[in-house]
Amino acid sequence: QTDDGVMVAHGLTQEELAQLVGASRETVNKALADFASRGWIRLEARAVLIADVERLRRRAR
């Protein structure tokens, strides 16, 4: 937990994330870029800062 949100250090490439969720790297890349452009997350080197946890929860439903 930080002042800006929740930092999730995962150590994975987008290709590895895609394999874990059963999607293409391109799909994962587009989804992460979309979430980042909406201000829900911030992408870091092998980590993601979740800036809007509640918004992501609602999106997951």
Protein backbone atom coordinates (compact mmCIF):
# COMPACT_ATOMS: atom_id res chain seq x y z
CA GLN A 1 0.00 0.00 0.00
CA THR A 2 1.30 3.44 -0.95
CA ASP A 3 -0.18 6.94 -0.90
CA ASP A 4 -0.99 6.48 -4.61
CA GLY A 5 -2.60 3.03 -4.36
CA VAL A 6 -1.66 -0.62 -4.08
CA MET A 7 1.67 -1.67 -5.62
CA VAL A 8 1.71 -5.22 -6.99
CA ALA A 9 5.24 -6.34 -7.83
CA HIS A 10 4.82 -9.43 -10.00
CA GLY A 11 8.11 -9.92 -11.83
CA LEU A 12 6.32 -11.17 -14.96
CA THR A 13 6.49 -10.12 -18.58
CA GLN A 14 3.29 -9.36 -20.46
CA GLU A 15 3.81 -12.63 -22.33
CA GLU A 16 3.92 -14.53 -19.03
CA LEU A 17 0.83 -12.69 -17.75
CA ALA A 18 -0.97 -13.58 -20.97
CA GLN A 19 -0.10 -17.26 -20.57
CA LEU A 20 -1.41 -17.21 -16.98
CA VAL A 21 -4.79 -15.80 -18.00
CA GLY A 22 -5.11 -17.68 -21.29
CA ALA A 23 -4.95 -14.62 -23.53
CA SER A 24 -2.60 -13.27 -26.16
CA ARG A 25 0.14 -10.83 -25.22
CA GLU A 26 -1.54 -8.28 -27.48
CA THR A 27 -4.84 -8.59 -25.59
CA VAL A 28 -3.10 -8.19 -22.23
CA ASN A 29 -1.15 -5.20 -23.56
CA LYS A 30 -4.33 -3.49 -24.83
CA ALA A 31 -6.21 -4.13 -21.57
CA LEU A 32 -3.36 -2.79 -19.42
CA ALA A 33 -2.97 0.26 -21.67
CA ASP A 34 -6.73 0.90 -21.50
CA PHE A 35 -6.77 0.64 -17.71
CA ALA A 36 -3.74 2.94 -17.49
CA SER A 37 -5.31 5.55 -19.80
CA ARG A 38 -8.39 5.58 -17.56
CA GLY A 39 -6.19 6.20 -14.50
CA TRP A 40 -7.12 2.91 -12.85
CA ILE A 41 -3.54 1.58 -12.87
CA ARG A 42 0.00 2.77 -13.49
CA LEU A 43 2.42 0.40 -15.18
CA GLU A 44 5.88 0.09 -13.68
CA ALA A 45 8.77 -2.24 -14.56
CA ARG A 46 7.35 -5.68 -13.69
CA ALA A 47 4.88 -4.12 -11.29
CA VAL A 48 1.48 -2.48 -11.42
CA LEU A 49 0.26 0.32 -9.18
CA ILE A 50 -3.48 -0.06 -8.71
CA ALA A 51 -4.64 3.52 -8.32
CA ASP A 52 -8.40 2.84 -8.28
CA VAL A 53 -9.09 -0.50 -6.59
CA GLU A 54 -12.86 -0.01 -6.43
CA ARG A 55 -13.13 0.80 -10.13
CA LEU A 56 -11.21 -2.38 -11.02
CA ARG A 57 -13.48 -4.39 -8.70
CA ARG A 58 -16.55 -3.07 -10.50
CA ARG A 59 -14.96 -3.78 -13.90
CA ALA A 60 -14.25 -7.38 -12.86
CA ARG A 61 -17.93 -8.08 -12.16
